[in-house]
Protein backbone atom coordinates (compact mmCIF):
# COMPACT_ATOMS: atom_id res chain seq x y z
CA UNK A 1 -9.53 -59.43 18.06
CA UNK A 2 -7.43 -61.11 15.32
CA UNK A 3 -7.54 -59.34 12.00
CA UNK A 4 -7.48 -61.27 8.74
CA UNK A 5 -4.10 -60.76 7.08
CA UNK A 6 -3.41 -60.58 3.38
CA UNK A 7 -1.27 -63.43 2.08
CA UNK A 8 0.74 -63.64 -1.12
CA UNK A 9 1.31 -66.92 -2.93
CA UNK A 10 5.02 -67.29 -3.77
CA UNK A 11 5.56 -70.43 -5.82
CA UNK A 12 2.96 -72.26 -3.75
CA UNK A 13 3.99 -70.93 -0.32
CA UNK A 14 1.61 -68.50 1.38
CA UNK A 15 3.51 -65.57 2.92
CA UNK A 16 1.86 -62.92 5.07
CA UNK A 17 2.08 -59.40 3.63
CA UNK A 18 2.93 -57.83 6.96
CA UNK A 19 5.24 -55.18 8.39
CA UNK A 20 7.75 -55.99 11.09
CA UNK A 21 5.83 -53.87 13.59
CA UNK A 22 2.57 -55.68 12.92
CA UNK A 23 4.31 -59.08 12.96
CA UNK A 24 5.65 -58.36 16.46
CA UNK A 25 2.20 -57.21 17.53
CA UNK A 26 0.54 -60.35 16.11
CA UNK A 27 3.01 -62.68 17.86
CA UNK A 28 2.52 -60.93 21.20
CA UNK A 29 -1.21 -61.33 20.72
CA UNK A 30 -0.76 -65.07 20.08
CA UNK A 31 1.46 -65.33 23.16
CA UNK A 32 -1.22 -63.75 25.31
CA UNK A 33 -3.81 -66.45 24.65
CA UNK A 34 -5.04 -68.12 27.82
CA UNK A 35 -4.03 -71.71 28.54
CA UNK A 36 -6.34 -74.19 26.87
CA UNK A 37 -7.86 -71.59 24.55
CA UNK A 38 -5.94 -72.89 21.54
CA UNK A 39 -3.04 -75.22 20.87
CA UNK A 40 0.34 -73.49 20.60
CA UNK A 41 0.76 -71.24 17.58
CA UNK A 42 3.54 -71.55 15.01
CA UNK A 43 5.43 -68.70 13.34
CA UNK A 44 7.71 -69.43 10.37
CA UNK A 45 10.33 -67.07 8.92
CA UNK A 46 10.34 -67.64 5.16
CA UNK A 47 13.31 -67.14 2.86
CA UNK A 48 13.90 -68.30 -0.72
CA UNK A 49 15.49 -71.56 0.45
CA UNK A 50 12.30 -72.36 2.41
CA UNK A 51 10.20 -71.83 -0.70
CA UNK A 52 12.39 -74.02 -2.87
CA UNK A 53 12.53 -76.79 -0.27
CA UNK A 54 8.74 -76.67 0.03
CA UNK A 55 8.46 -77.23 -3.72
CA UNK A 56 10.44 -80.47 -3.39
CA UNK A 57 9.14 -81.67 -0.05
CA UNK A 58 5.35 -81.87 0.30
CA UNK A 59 5.53 -82.56 4.03
CA UNK A 60 7.53 -79.37 4.53
CA UNK A 61 5.11 -77.47 2.30
CA UNK A 62 2.18 -78.74 4.39
CA UNK A 63 3.88 -77.65 7.63
CA UNK A 64 4.42 -74.14 6.25
CA UNK A 65 0.82 -74.06 5.08
CA UNK A 66 -0.46 -74.86 8.56
CA UNK A 67 1.64 -72.17 10.26
CA UNK A 68 -0.32 -69.40 11.96
CA UNK A 69 1.99 -66.67 10.68
CA UNK A 70 4.52 -66.82 7.81
CA UNK A 71 6.75 -63.74 7.75
CA UNK A 72 9.13 -62.74 4.93
CA UNK A 73 12.65 -63.24 6.22
CA UNK A 74 14.78 -63.07 3.06
CA UNK A 75 15.10 -60.00 0.87
CA UNK A 76 14.32 -62.17 -2.14
CA UNK A 77 11.01 -63.19 -0.59
CA UNK A 78 10.15 -59.55 0.13
CA UNK A 79 10.86 -58.58 -3.49
CA UNK A 80 8.92 -61.58 -4.77
CA UNK A 81 5.99 -60.64 -2.54
CA UNK A 82 5.99 -57.08 -3.92
CA UNK A 83 6.18 -58.32 -7.51
CA UNK A 84 3.31 -60.74 -6.93
CA UNK A 85 0.87 -58.30 -5.34
CA UNK A 86 2.10 -57.50 -1.84
CA UNK A 87 2.61 -54.00 -0.46
CA UNK A 88 4.79 -54.29 2.67
CA UNK A 89 8.53 -53.70 2.19
CA UNK A 90 9.80 -54.97 5.56
CA UNK A 91 12.01 -57.98 6.09
CA UNK A 92 11.02 -59.78 9.27
CA UNK A 93 14.13 -61.72 10.28
CA UNK A 94 14.60 -64.19 13.08
CA UNK A 95 17.29 -62.03 14.66
CA UNK A 96 15.10 -58.94 14.69
CA UNK A 97 12.07 -60.85 15.96
CA UNK A 98 14.01 -62.16 18.95
CA UNK A 99 15.31 -58.72 19.86
CA UNK A 100 12.04 -56.85 19.37
CA UNK A 101 9.84 -59.48 21.01
CA UNK A 102 12.15 -59.59 24.04
CA UNK A 103 12.12 -55.79 24.26
CA UNK A 104 8.34 -55.58 24.03
CA UNK A 105 7.83 -58.71 26.09
CA UNK A 106 9.82 -57.28 29.00
CA UNK A 107 7.22 -54.53 29.27
CA UNK A 108 4.34 -57.01 29.38
CA UNK A 109 5.70 -59.74 31.68
CA UNK A 110 5.94 -62.13 28.73
CA UNK A 111 7.74 -65.37 29.62
CA UNK A 112 10.19 -66.52 26.95
CA UNK A 113 12.33 -69.56 26.21
CA UNK A 114 15.35 -70.13 23.96
CA UNK A 115 15.68 -73.60 22.46
CA UNK A 116 18.36 -74.81 20.04
CA UNK A 117 21.74 -73.83 18.73
CA UNK A 118 25.09 -75.34 19.66
CA UNK A 119 27.77 -74.90 22.32
CA UNK A 120 25.57 -73.05 24.79
CA UNK A 121 24.52 -70.25 22.43
CA UNK A 122 20.93 -70.40 23.71
CA UNK A 123 22.15 -69.61 27.22
CA UNK A 124 24.37 -66.80 25.90
CA UNK A 125 21.46 -65.28 23.97
CA UNK A 126 19.17 -65.49 26.99
CA UNK A 127 21.74 -63.71 29.17
CA UNK A 128 22.31 -60.98 26.59
CA UNK A 129 18.59 -60.39 26.19
CA UNK A 130 18.18 -60.31 29.96
CA UNK A 131 21.00 -57.75 30.25
CA UNK A 132 19.35 -55.55 27.61
CA UNK A 133 15.87 -56.04 29.06
CA UNK A 134 16.18 -56.53 32.85
CA UNK A 135 12.46 -57.15 33.30
CA UNK A 136 12.39 -59.97 30.73
CA UNK A 137 11.14 -63.27 32.18
CA UNK A 138 13.41 -66.03 30.81
CA UNK A 139 12.09 -69.42 31.89
CA UNK A 140 14.11 -71.74 29.66
CA UNK A 141 17.39 -71.73 27.72
CA UNK A 142 19.09 -74.82 26.33
CA UNK A 143 20.30 -76.56 23.16
CA UNK A 144 17.70 -79.31 23.19
CA UNK A 145 17.65 -81.84 20.37
CA UNK A 146 15.26 -81.99 17.38
CA UNK A 147 15.16 -85.81 17.27
CA UNK A 148 12.04 -87.64 18.43
CA UNK A 149 13.96 -89.53 21.10
CA UNK A 150 14.62 -86.32 23.01
CA UNK A 151 11.01 -85.14 23.05
CA UNK A 152 9.93 -86.77 26.31
CA UNK A 153 12.95 -85.44 28.21
CA UNK A 154 12.38 -81.93 26.91
CA UNK A 155 8.69 -82.12 27.72
CA UNK A 156 9.54 -82.89 31.33
CA UNK A 157 11.97 -79.94 31.48
CA UNK A 158 9.42 -77.57 29.97
CA UNK A 159 6.60 -78.88 32.13
CA UNK A 160 8.63 -78.10 35.25
CA UNK A 161 9.16 -74.49 34.08
CA UNK A 162 5.46 -73.67 33.76
CA UNK A 163 4.08 -71.19 31.27
CA UNK A 164 6.21 -70.26 28.24
CA UNK A 165 4.52 -67.48 26.27
CA UNK A 166 7.06 -67.39 23.42
CA UNK A 167 9.51 -70.18 22.66
CA UNK A 168 12.22 -69.26 20.16
CA UNK A 169 13.37 -72.42 18.36
CA UNK A 170 16.72 -72.42 16.53
CA UNK A 171 17.18 -75.90 15.09
CA UNK A 172 17.71 -74.65 11.55
CA UNK A 173 15.56 -74.75 8.41
CA UNK A 174 13.36 -77.82 8.20
CA UNK A 175 14.34 -79.41 11.49
CA UNK A 176 12.81 -76.66 13.61
CA UNK A 177 9.59 -76.57 11.56
CA UNK A 178 9.06 -80.33 11.76
CA UNK A 179 9.92 -80.31 15.47
CA UNK A 180 7.44 -77.54 16.21
CA UNK A 181 4.71 -79.16 14.13
CA UNK A 182 5.22 -82.50 15.87
CA UNK A 183 5.30 -81.10 19.39
CA UNK A 184 2.73 -78.33 19.32
CA UNK A 185 -0.01 -80.89 18.64
CA UNK A 186 1.20 -83.40 21.21
CA UNK A 187 2.78 -81.57 24.11
CA UNK A 188 1.44 -83.50 27.07
CA UNK A 189 2.81 -85.14 30.17
CA UNK A 190 0.79 -87.13 32.70
CA UNK A 191 -2.41 -85.86 31.05
CA UNK A 192 -1.43 -82.26 31.79
CA UNK A 193 -0.96 -80.05 28.74
CA UNK A 194 2.20 -78.01 28.50
CA UNK A 195 1.46 -74.32 28.52
CA UNK A 196 3.14 -72.77 25.45
CA UNK A 197 1.70 -69.75 23.66
CA UNK A 198 3.65 -69.59 20.41
CA UNK A 199 6.69 -71.23 18.85
CA UNK A 200 8.84 -69.00 16.62
CA UNK A 201 11.33 -70.71 14.31
CA UNK A 202 14.38 -68.45 14.09
CA UNK A 203 16.97 -70.54 12.21
CA UNK A 204 20.52 -69.38 12.84
CA UNK A 205 19.52 -66.28 14.79
CA UNK A 206 21.14 -67.47 18.03
CA UNK A 207 24.57 -67.58 16.36
CA UNK A 208 24.33 -63.88 15.50
CA UNK A 209 22.70 -62.77 18.74
CA UNK A 210 25.38 -64.58 20.75
CA UNK A 211 28.08 -62.95 18.59
CA UNK A 212 29.43 -66.38 17.60
CA UNK A 213 28.94 -65.16 14.04
CA UNK A 214 28.99 -61.60 12.72
CA UNK A 215 25.91 -60.37 10.92
CA UNK A 216 26.30 -58.52 7.63
CA UNK A 217 26.72 -54.73 7.82
CA UNK A 218 23.40 -52.91 7.67
CA UNK A 219 24.30 -51.47 4.25
CA UNK A 220 24.49 -54.97 2.77
CA UNK A 221 21.29 -55.98 4.53
CA UNK A 222 19.45 -52.99 3.07
CA UNK A 223 20.44 -53.78 -0.53
CA UNK A 224 19.67 -57.46 -0.22
CA UNK A 225 23.24 -58.78 -0.14
CA UNK A 226 23.26 -60.34 3.32
CA UNK A 227 23.29 -63.72 1.57
CA UNK A 228 26.62 -62.79 -0.08
CA UNK A 229 28.13 -61.90 3.30
CA UNK A 230 27.01 -65.23 4.73
CA UNK A 231 28.44 -67.07 1.72
CA UNK A 232 31.82 -65.40 2.20
CA UNK A 233 31.80 -66.36 5.89
CA UNK A 234 30.48 -69.89 5.22
CA UNK A 235 31.51 -71.07 1.71
CA UNK A 236 29.84 -74.40 2.40
CA UNK A 237 26.45 -72.68 2.10
CA UNK A 238 26.88 -72.46 -1.66
CA UNK A 239 25.16 -75.83 -2.05
CA UNK A 240 22.03 -74.46 -0.33
CA UNK A 241 22.23 -71.11 -2.12
CA UNK A 242 22.36 -72.67 -5.58
CA UNK A 243 18.55 -72.48 -5.60
CA UNK A 244 18.47 -68.66 -5.39
CA UNK A 245 18.83 -67.95 -9.15
CA UNK A 246 16.20 -70.61 -9.86
CA UNK A 247 13.90 -68.98 -7.32
CA UNK A 248 14.26 -65.59 -9.04
CA UNK A 249 13.55 -67.03 -12.48
CA UNK A 250 10.49 -68.94 -11.24
CA UNK A 251 9.08 -65.86 -9.49
CA UNK A 252 9.39 -63.89 -12.75
CA UNK A 253 7.65 -66.79 -14.50
CA UNK A 254 4.81 -66.72 -11.96
CA UNK A 255 4.46 -62.96 -12.41
CA UNK A 256 4.31 -63.25 -16.20
CA UNK A 257 1.82 -66.08 -15.88
CA UNK A 258 -0.42 -63.93 -13.69
CA UNK A 259 -0.24 -61.09 -16.23
CA UNK A 260 -1.09 -63.47 -19.07
CA UNK A 261 -4.07 -64.89 -17.20
CA UNK A 262 -5.30 -61.37 -16.42
CA UNK A 263 -4.99 -60.34 -20.06
CA UNK A 264 -6.82 -63.47 -21.20
CA UNK A 265 -9.68 -62.79 -18.80
CA UNK A 266 -10.01 -59.24 -20.12
CA UNK A 267 -10.18 -60.48 -23.70
CA UNK A 268 -12.88 -63.01 -23.00
């Protein structure tokens, strides 16, 4: 039975206060739903850039709000969640979700798909995960295309593959969320519903899992400086990362506002 999870409001975005272990467990539970029981579920991996984009783009904010599970990907989001009333310290990254869900899924005959990325990285990731987990059932791997014009072709490909319990989608921030939202409510072909359990947006995870890019050393990940490593490797990301200081300031402002409201309530 699904348990109600505690959520923390971070600048208007609801993020689940959940450990990595429990996030993996929840996604596997979603994947195990019988066909027709519910429409496909949607898991989003939230970082500070997601939150700031949601503040500017109401459609994106609405998509995040309708997600079935919103896990804290970035270290900044984890810290913000703790400051604003959360208790779980885990980051739940797209890279780690793919690896752990494939490992656990191989033990449960979970059927997975890898959609997105460039230059065949989805196929590389699927092969690597299959090598690490020989019993893993990989039913789809391909770059796809997030544009509406490609939807019908992809639907036919997926329909021919049968059940996909977990589909990892790596179209990048925004594109993958809008694609999942659009398709999980309208995946049909010849009046037959496609059988997908849960879509998990994993951003650039395929690049790291395929070894096309090198992930930050664990020491930098642990102290919250993975963003700095990525900036050094991809200087062009500075335009996206300019929102990070603003995010930190606004989170502090939200925290102080909560404290002020609490103090006011006590007085009156």
